[in-house]
N, C-alpha and C. Protein backbone atom coordinates (compact mmCIF):
# COMPACT_ATOMS: atom_id res chain seq x y z
N MET A 1 54.72 8.39 -140.18
CA MET A 1 54.87 9.81 -140.33
C MET A 1 54.17 10.26 -141.61
N ILE A 2 53.42 11.33 -141.53
CA ILE A 2 52.69 11.87 -142.67
C ILE A 2 53.58 12.87 -143.40
N SER A 3 53.63 12.73 -144.73
CA SER A 3 54.32 13.71 -145.56
C SER A 3 53.37 14.10 -146.69
N GLU A 4 53.74 15.10 -147.47
CA GLU A 4 52.92 15.51 -148.61
C GLU A 4 53.71 15.36 -149.89
N VAL A 5 52.99 15.08 -150.96
CA VAL A 5 53.60 14.89 -152.27
C VAL A 5 52.62 15.41 -153.33
N VAL A 6 53.15 15.88 -154.45
CA VAL A 6 52.31 16.21 -155.59
C VAL A 6 52.38 15.02 -156.53
N PHE A 7 51.24 14.38 -156.72
CA PHE A 7 51.12 13.19 -157.55
C PHE A 7 50.60 13.61 -158.92
N PRO A 8 51.24 13.18 -160.01
CA PRO A 8 50.77 13.59 -161.34
C PRO A 8 49.55 12.81 -161.78
N ASP A 9 48.74 13.39 -162.68
CA ASP A 9 47.69 12.61 -163.32
C ASP A 9 48.36 11.39 -163.92
N THR A 10 47.81 10.21 -163.69
CA THR A 10 48.45 8.98 -164.12
C THR A 10 47.45 8.08 -164.84
N THR A 11 47.69 7.84 -166.12
CA THR A 11 46.81 6.98 -166.91
C THR A 11 47.19 5.53 -166.67
N VAL A 12 46.18 4.73 -166.38
CA VAL A 12 46.38 3.33 -166.00
C VAL A 12 45.36 2.43 -166.69
N MET A 13 45.65 1.13 -166.67
CA MET A 13 44.65 0.10 -166.97
C MET A 13 44.06 -0.31 -165.62
N TYR A 14 42.82 -0.76 -165.61
CA TYR A 14 42.23 -1.10 -164.32
C TYR A 14 41.23 -2.25 -164.39
N VAL A 15 40.98 -2.81 -163.20
CA VAL A 15 39.92 -3.80 -162.99
C VAL A 15 39.21 -3.37 -161.71
N ASP A 16 37.88 -3.24 -161.79
CA ASP A 16 37.09 -2.86 -160.62
C ASP A 16 36.74 -4.07 -159.77
N GLY A 17 36.69 -3.82 -158.45
CA GLY A 17 36.23 -4.84 -157.52
C GLY A 17 34.71 -4.87 -157.47
N ASP A 18 34.18 -5.82 -156.73
CA ASP A 18 32.74 -5.98 -156.52
C ASP A 18 32.35 -5.19 -155.28
N GLU A 19 31.62 -4.09 -155.48
CA GLU A 19 31.27 -3.19 -154.36
C GLU A 19 30.50 -3.88 -153.24
N ALA A 20 29.91 -5.01 -153.52
CA ALA A 20 29.15 -5.73 -152.48
C ALA A 20 30.07 -6.41 -151.48
N LYS A 21 31.35 -6.51 -151.81
CA LYS A 21 32.34 -7.18 -150.95
C LYS A 21 33.14 -6.16 -150.17
N PRO A 22 33.74 -6.57 -149.03
CA PRO A 22 34.65 -5.67 -148.31
C PRO A 22 35.86 -5.33 -149.18
N ILE A 23 36.43 -4.15 -148.96
CA ILE A 23 37.56 -3.66 -149.75
C ILE A 23 38.70 -4.70 -149.84
N PRO A 24 39.13 -5.33 -148.74
CA PRO A 24 40.24 -6.29 -148.87
C PRO A 24 39.93 -7.45 -149.83
N GLU A 25 38.69 -7.93 -149.83
CA GLU A 25 38.30 -9.00 -150.75
C GLU A 25 38.28 -8.49 -152.18
N GLN A 26 37.76 -7.26 -152.36
CA GLN A 26 37.75 -6.67 -153.70
C GLN A 26 39.17 -6.54 -154.24
N ALA A 27 40.08 -6.08 -153.38
CA ALA A 27 41.46 -5.83 -153.81
C ALA A 27 42.12 -7.12 -154.31
N LYS A 28 41.99 -8.16 -153.55
CA LYS A 28 42.65 -9.43 -153.91
C LYS A 28 42.15 -9.94 -155.26
N LYS A 29 40.85 -9.99 -155.44
CA LYS A 29 40.28 -10.51 -156.69
C LYS A 29 40.60 -9.58 -157.86
N ALA A 30 40.47 -8.27 -157.66
CA ALA A 30 40.73 -7.32 -158.75
C ALA A 30 42.19 -7.38 -159.20
N PHE A 31 43.13 -7.47 -158.25
CA PHE A 31 44.54 -7.56 -158.63
C PHE A 31 44.84 -8.89 -159.32
N ASN A 32 44.24 -9.98 -158.87
CA ASN A 32 44.45 -11.26 -159.54
C ASN A 32 43.98 -11.19 -161.00
N THR A 33 42.82 -10.58 -161.22
CA THR A 33 42.28 -10.44 -162.58
C THR A 33 43.16 -9.52 -163.42
N LEU A 34 43.60 -8.41 -162.84
CA LEU A 34 44.46 -7.46 -163.54
C LEU A 34 45.76 -8.12 -163.96
N GLU A 35 46.43 -8.74 -163.02
CA GLU A 35 47.77 -9.30 -163.25
C GLU A 35 47.74 -10.54 -164.14
N ASP A 36 46.61 -11.22 -164.18
CA ASP A 36 46.50 -12.44 -164.96
C ASP A 36 46.76 -12.22 -166.46
N LYS A 37 46.52 -11.01 -166.94
CA LYS A 37 46.68 -10.70 -168.36
C LYS A 37 48.09 -10.28 -168.74
N PHE A 38 48.99 -10.10 -167.77
CA PHE A 38 50.33 -9.62 -168.05
C PHE A 38 51.32 -10.77 -168.17
N THR A 39 52.15 -10.72 -169.18
CA THR A 39 53.20 -11.73 -169.33
C THR A 39 54.41 -11.36 -168.48
N SER A 40 54.53 -10.07 -168.13
CA SER A 40 55.64 -9.60 -167.31
C SER A 40 55.18 -8.39 -166.50
N PHE A 41 55.74 -8.25 -165.31
CA PHE A 41 55.45 -7.08 -164.48
C PHE A 41 56.55 -6.03 -164.61
N LYS A 42 57.59 -6.34 -165.36
CA LYS A 42 58.74 -5.45 -165.48
C LYS A 42 58.31 -4.08 -166.01
N GLY A 43 58.74 -3.04 -165.28
CA GLY A 43 58.45 -1.67 -165.67
C GLY A 43 57.06 -1.18 -165.30
N ARG A 44 56.26 -2.02 -164.67
CA ARG A 44 54.90 -1.62 -164.30
C ARG A 44 54.86 -1.01 -162.90
N LYS A 45 54.02 -0.02 -162.75
CA LYS A 45 53.70 0.53 -161.43
C LYS A 45 52.28 0.08 -161.12
N PHE A 46 52.05 -0.28 -159.87
CA PHE A 46 50.73 -0.75 -159.47
C PHE A 46 50.12 0.17 -158.42
N PHE A 47 48.80 0.36 -158.55
CA PHE A 47 48.05 1.23 -157.65
C PHE A 47 46.74 0.56 -157.27
N GLY A 48 46.31 0.79 -156.06
CA GLY A 48 44.96 0.45 -155.65
C GLY A 48 44.26 1.76 -155.37
N VAL A 49 43.07 1.93 -155.92
CA VAL A 49 42.36 3.19 -155.77
C VAL A 49 41.01 2.90 -155.11
N VAL A 50 40.68 3.68 -154.10
CA VAL A 50 39.42 3.51 -153.40
C VAL A 50 38.49 4.65 -153.79
N ILE A 51 37.40 4.27 -154.47
CA ILE A 51 36.40 5.24 -154.93
C ILE A 51 35.10 4.89 -154.23
N GLY A 52 34.78 5.60 -153.15
CA GLY A 52 33.60 5.25 -152.36
C GLY A 52 33.79 3.88 -151.74
N ASN A 53 32.89 2.94 -152.08
CA ASN A 53 32.99 1.56 -151.58
C ASN A 53 33.59 0.62 -152.60
N LYS A 54 34.16 1.18 -153.67
CA LYS A 54 34.71 0.34 -154.75
C LYS A 54 36.23 0.41 -154.76
N TYR A 55 36.84 -0.75 -154.98
CA TYR A 55 38.29 -0.83 -155.10
C TYR A 55 38.63 -1.02 -156.57
N ARG A 56 39.61 -0.28 -157.04
CA ARG A 56 40.05 -0.36 -158.43
C ARG A 56 41.54 -0.72 -158.45
N ALA A 57 41.87 -1.92 -158.94
CA ALA A 57 43.26 -2.35 -159.09
C ALA A 57 43.77 -1.77 -160.41
N CYS A 58 44.94 -1.11 -160.37
CA CYS A 58 45.44 -0.39 -161.54
C CYS A 58 46.90 -0.72 -161.82
N SER A 59 47.24 -0.66 -163.10
CA SER A 59 48.62 -0.83 -163.54
C SER A 59 48.96 0.29 -164.52
N SER A 60 50.18 0.79 -164.41
CA SER A 60 50.65 1.76 -165.38
C SER A 60 50.69 1.11 -166.76
N ILE A 61 50.67 1.94 -167.77
CA ILE A 61 50.78 1.47 -169.15
C ILE A 61 52.23 1.65 -169.55
N THR A 62 52.86 0.56 -169.96
CA THR A 62 54.28 0.60 -170.30
C THR A 62 54.49 0.85 -171.79
N ASP A 63 55.72 1.11 -172.17
CA ASP A 63 56.04 1.27 -173.59
C ASP A 63 55.67 0.02 -174.38
N TYR A 64 55.79 -1.13 -173.76
CA TYR A 64 55.43 -2.39 -174.39
C TYR A 64 53.94 -2.41 -174.75
N ASP A 65 53.10 -1.79 -173.91
CA ASP A 65 51.65 -1.79 -174.12
C ASP A 65 51.22 -0.83 -175.22
N LYS A 66 51.94 0.26 -175.39
CA LYS A 66 51.50 1.32 -176.29
C LYS A 66 51.36 0.80 -177.71
N GLY A 67 50.25 1.15 -178.34
CA GLY A 67 50.00 0.75 -179.71
C GLY A 67 49.38 -0.64 -179.83
N SER A 68 49.26 -1.34 -178.72
CA SER A 68 48.65 -2.67 -178.77
C SER A 68 47.25 -2.61 -178.19
N ASN A 69 46.53 -3.68 -178.35
CA ASN A 69 45.22 -3.76 -177.73
C ASN A 69 45.42 -4.05 -176.25
N LEU A 70 45.03 -3.11 -175.42
CA LEU A 70 45.21 -3.28 -173.98
C LEU A 70 44.19 -4.29 -173.45
N PRO A 71 44.60 -5.11 -172.49
CA PRO A 71 43.70 -6.14 -171.98
C PRO A 71 42.63 -5.63 -171.02
N HIS A 72 42.74 -4.36 -170.60
CA HIS A 72 41.79 -3.79 -169.64
C HIS A 72 41.46 -2.36 -170.04
N PRO A 73 40.33 -1.83 -169.56
CA PRO A 73 40.00 -0.44 -169.86
C PRO A 73 41.01 0.51 -169.20
N THR A 74 41.05 1.74 -169.68
CA THR A 74 41.96 2.74 -169.13
C THR A 74 41.19 3.84 -168.40
N TRP A 75 41.92 4.52 -167.55
CA TRP A 75 41.36 5.59 -166.72
C TRP A 75 42.54 6.41 -166.23
N THR A 76 42.30 7.65 -165.84
CA THR A 76 43.37 8.49 -165.30
C THR A 76 43.14 8.74 -163.81
N ILE A 77 44.11 8.34 -163.00
CA ILE A 77 44.06 8.64 -161.57
C ILE A 77 44.32 10.14 -161.44
N PRO A 78 43.41 10.87 -160.77
CA PRO A 78 43.60 12.31 -160.68
C PRO A 78 44.80 12.70 -159.82
N GLY A 79 45.58 13.60 -160.34
CA GLY A 79 46.75 14.08 -159.62
C GLY A 79 46.42 15.22 -158.68
N GLY A 80 47.46 15.78 -158.12
CA GLY A 80 47.31 16.89 -157.19
C GLY A 80 48.10 16.62 -155.92
N LYS A 81 47.80 17.40 -154.91
CA LYS A 81 48.50 17.26 -153.63
C LYS A 81 47.86 16.13 -152.81
N TYR A 82 48.71 15.26 -152.28
CA TYR A 82 48.27 14.13 -151.46
C TYR A 82 49.09 14.08 -150.18
N ALA A 83 48.43 13.74 -149.08
CA ALA A 83 49.12 13.39 -147.83
C ALA A 83 49.38 11.89 -147.92
N ARG A 84 50.52 11.46 -147.41
CA ARG A 84 50.85 10.04 -147.54
C ARG A 84 51.55 9.50 -146.30
N ILE A 85 51.40 8.18 -146.16
CA ILE A 85 52.09 7.43 -145.12
C ILE A 85 52.76 6.24 -145.80
N ARG A 86 54.02 6.04 -145.48
CA ARG A 86 54.78 4.93 -146.05
C ARG A 86 54.63 3.70 -145.15
N ILE A 87 54.40 2.55 -145.78
CA ILE A 87 54.33 1.28 -145.07
C ILE A 87 55.40 0.38 -145.66
N ASP A 88 56.37 0.00 -144.83
CA ASP A 88 57.41 -0.93 -145.26
C ASP A 88 56.94 -2.36 -145.01
N ASN A 89 57.45 -3.27 -145.81
CA ASN A 89 57.09 -4.69 -145.69
C ASN A 89 55.57 -4.84 -145.66
N TRP A 90 54.92 -4.18 -146.61
CA TRP A 90 53.46 -4.08 -146.61
C TRP A 90 52.75 -5.44 -146.67
N GLU A 91 53.34 -6.43 -147.32
CA GLU A 91 52.67 -7.74 -147.40
C GLU A 91 52.52 -8.37 -146.02
N ALA A 92 53.43 -8.08 -145.12
CA ALA A 92 53.34 -8.59 -143.75
C ALA A 92 52.59 -7.63 -142.84
N ASN A 93 52.23 -6.46 -143.37
CA ASN A 93 51.58 -5.42 -142.56
C ASN A 93 50.31 -4.89 -143.22
N THR A 94 49.52 -5.77 -143.81
CA THR A 94 48.34 -5.32 -144.54
C THR A 94 47.32 -4.60 -143.65
N LYS A 95 47.28 -4.94 -142.37
CA LYS A 95 46.34 -4.26 -141.46
C LYS A 95 46.69 -2.78 -141.30
N LYS A 96 47.96 -2.44 -141.50
CA LYS A 96 48.38 -1.04 -141.40
C LYS A 96 47.81 -0.18 -142.52
N ILE A 97 47.42 -0.81 -143.63
CA ILE A 97 46.89 -0.05 -144.76
C ILE A 97 45.60 0.66 -144.37
N SER A 98 44.65 -0.08 -143.82
CA SER A 98 43.37 0.56 -143.43
C SER A 98 43.57 1.56 -142.30
N LEU A 99 44.50 1.28 -141.40
CA LEU A 99 44.79 2.23 -140.31
C LEU A 99 45.38 3.53 -140.87
N ALA A 100 46.23 3.40 -141.88
CA ALA A 100 46.81 4.59 -142.51
C ALA A 100 45.73 5.41 -143.21
N PHE A 101 44.81 4.73 -143.92
CA PHE A 101 43.71 5.45 -144.55
C PHE A 101 42.87 6.18 -143.51
N GLU A 102 42.57 5.52 -142.41
CA GLU A 102 41.78 6.16 -141.34
C GLU A 102 42.47 7.41 -140.83
N GLU A 103 43.77 7.31 -140.58
CA GLU A 103 44.52 8.45 -140.07
C GLU A 103 44.52 9.60 -141.09
N LEU A 104 44.76 9.28 -142.34
CA LEU A 104 44.82 10.33 -143.36
C LEU A 104 43.45 10.95 -143.64
N PHE A 105 42.40 10.14 -143.68
CA PHE A 105 41.06 10.68 -143.93
C PHE A 105 40.54 11.51 -142.75
N SER A 106 41.21 11.45 -141.61
CA SER A 106 40.80 12.28 -140.46
C SER A 106 41.44 13.67 -140.50
N LEU A 107 42.31 13.93 -141.46
CA LEU A 107 42.93 15.25 -141.58
C LEU A 107 41.87 16.30 -141.91
N ASP A 108 42.14 17.54 -141.54
CA ASP A 108 41.18 18.64 -141.75
C ASP A 108 41.08 19.09 -143.21
N ASN A 109 42.08 18.82 -144.02
CA ASN A 109 42.11 19.38 -145.37
C ASN A 109 41.94 18.33 -146.47
N VAL A 110 41.21 17.24 -146.19
CA VAL A 110 41.00 16.18 -147.18
C VAL A 110 40.11 16.70 -148.31
N ASP A 111 40.48 16.36 -149.54
CA ASP A 111 39.70 16.69 -150.73
C ASP A 111 38.92 15.44 -151.11
N PHE A 112 37.65 15.40 -150.76
CA PHE A 112 36.83 14.21 -150.97
C PHE A 112 36.36 14.06 -152.41
N THR A 113 36.76 14.97 -153.31
CA THR A 113 36.39 14.84 -154.72
C THR A 113 37.35 13.91 -155.47
N ARG A 114 38.49 13.57 -154.84
CA ARG A 114 39.46 12.67 -155.46
C ARG A 114 39.61 11.43 -154.59
N PRO A 115 40.03 10.31 -155.20
CA PRO A 115 40.09 9.05 -154.45
C PRO A 115 41.34 8.89 -153.61
N GLY A 116 41.27 7.97 -152.65
CA GLY A 116 42.44 7.53 -151.91
C GLY A 116 43.21 6.55 -152.78
N ILE A 117 44.55 6.51 -152.59
CA ILE A 117 45.40 5.69 -153.45
C ILE A 117 46.37 4.86 -152.61
N GLU A 118 46.55 3.61 -153.03
CA GLU A 118 47.67 2.79 -152.56
C GLU A 118 48.67 2.76 -153.72
N TYR A 119 49.86 3.21 -153.48
CA TYR A 119 50.90 3.19 -154.51
C TYR A 119 51.91 2.13 -154.11
N TYR A 120 51.92 1.03 -154.85
CA TYR A 120 52.83 -0.08 -154.57
C TYR A 120 54.16 0.22 -155.24
N ARG A 121 54.99 0.95 -154.53
CA ARG A 121 56.26 1.40 -155.08
C ARG A 121 57.21 0.24 -155.37
N SER A 122 57.12 -0.80 -154.58
CA SER A 122 57.91 -2.02 -154.79
C SER A 122 57.22 -3.16 -154.06
N GLN A 123 57.80 -4.34 -154.11
CA GLN A 123 57.23 -5.47 -153.37
C GLN A 123 57.40 -5.28 -151.87
N TYR A 124 58.19 -4.32 -151.47
CA TYR A 124 58.43 -4.04 -150.06
C TYR A 124 57.75 -2.76 -149.59
N GLU A 125 57.71 -1.75 -150.43
CA GLU A 125 57.31 -0.40 -150.02
C GLU A 125 55.97 0.01 -150.64
N LEU A 126 55.09 0.52 -149.79
CA LEU A 126 53.76 0.98 -150.19
C LEU A 126 53.52 2.37 -149.61
N TYR A 127 52.91 3.25 -150.41
CA TYR A 127 52.46 4.55 -149.91
C TYR A 127 50.94 4.56 -149.93
N VAL A 128 50.33 4.88 -148.80
CA VAL A 128 48.91 5.13 -148.70
C VAL A 128 48.75 6.64 -148.84
N MET A 129 47.93 7.08 -149.81
CA MET A 129 47.83 8.50 -150.12
C MET A 129 46.37 8.95 -150.15
N VAL A 130 46.12 10.11 -149.56
CA VAL A 130 44.79 10.71 -149.52
C VAL A 130 44.91 12.13 -150.04
N PRO A 131 44.00 12.53 -150.96
CA PRO A 131 44.09 13.87 -151.53
C PRO A 131 43.78 14.96 -150.51
N VAL A 132 44.55 16.02 -150.58
CA VAL A 132 44.35 17.15 -149.67
C VAL A 132 44.37 18.45 -150.47
N ASN A 133 43.81 19.48 -149.86
CA ASN A 133 43.82 20.82 -150.47
C ASN A 133 45.07 21.57 -150.06
C-alpha cells in the first residue's frame, strides 16, 4: 500500500557504490564499507539512496559522532514529500525493493530532481520512498 510522508532534510555520512555495477551489488559493497568503520550501530539510522545509476549507503550522524573526525564524507538527503511503500522482513524480501521502486516511480507526480530512498527503519522494517510533488 502506498502512503505519503514528509521526510526532513537529513544529514548523513555516506559511501558511494561503483556506478559500473548493478544497484544490488553497489548496495552490498557500499554498506559493508560504511558499516566497517562503526564500533556500534546503536542509535544509527541507515538509508540507501539511489541517484541515477549510483547507490549511496548512508548512516545518520549520532551524538557520539559529533565533534569527532567522521570516518566518511557527509551529505544531506533532501527532504520533502515522498510516496512510500513499507516492506516487512526486508532481508527475506529483497526482490520486493526494486518492485516497490518501479511502482512508485510510475506515479504521475514523481519529482525527479530528488533521489529515491530506502529507509531501513529496523532490521525487520524498510520503507522504499520516492519524492513526489
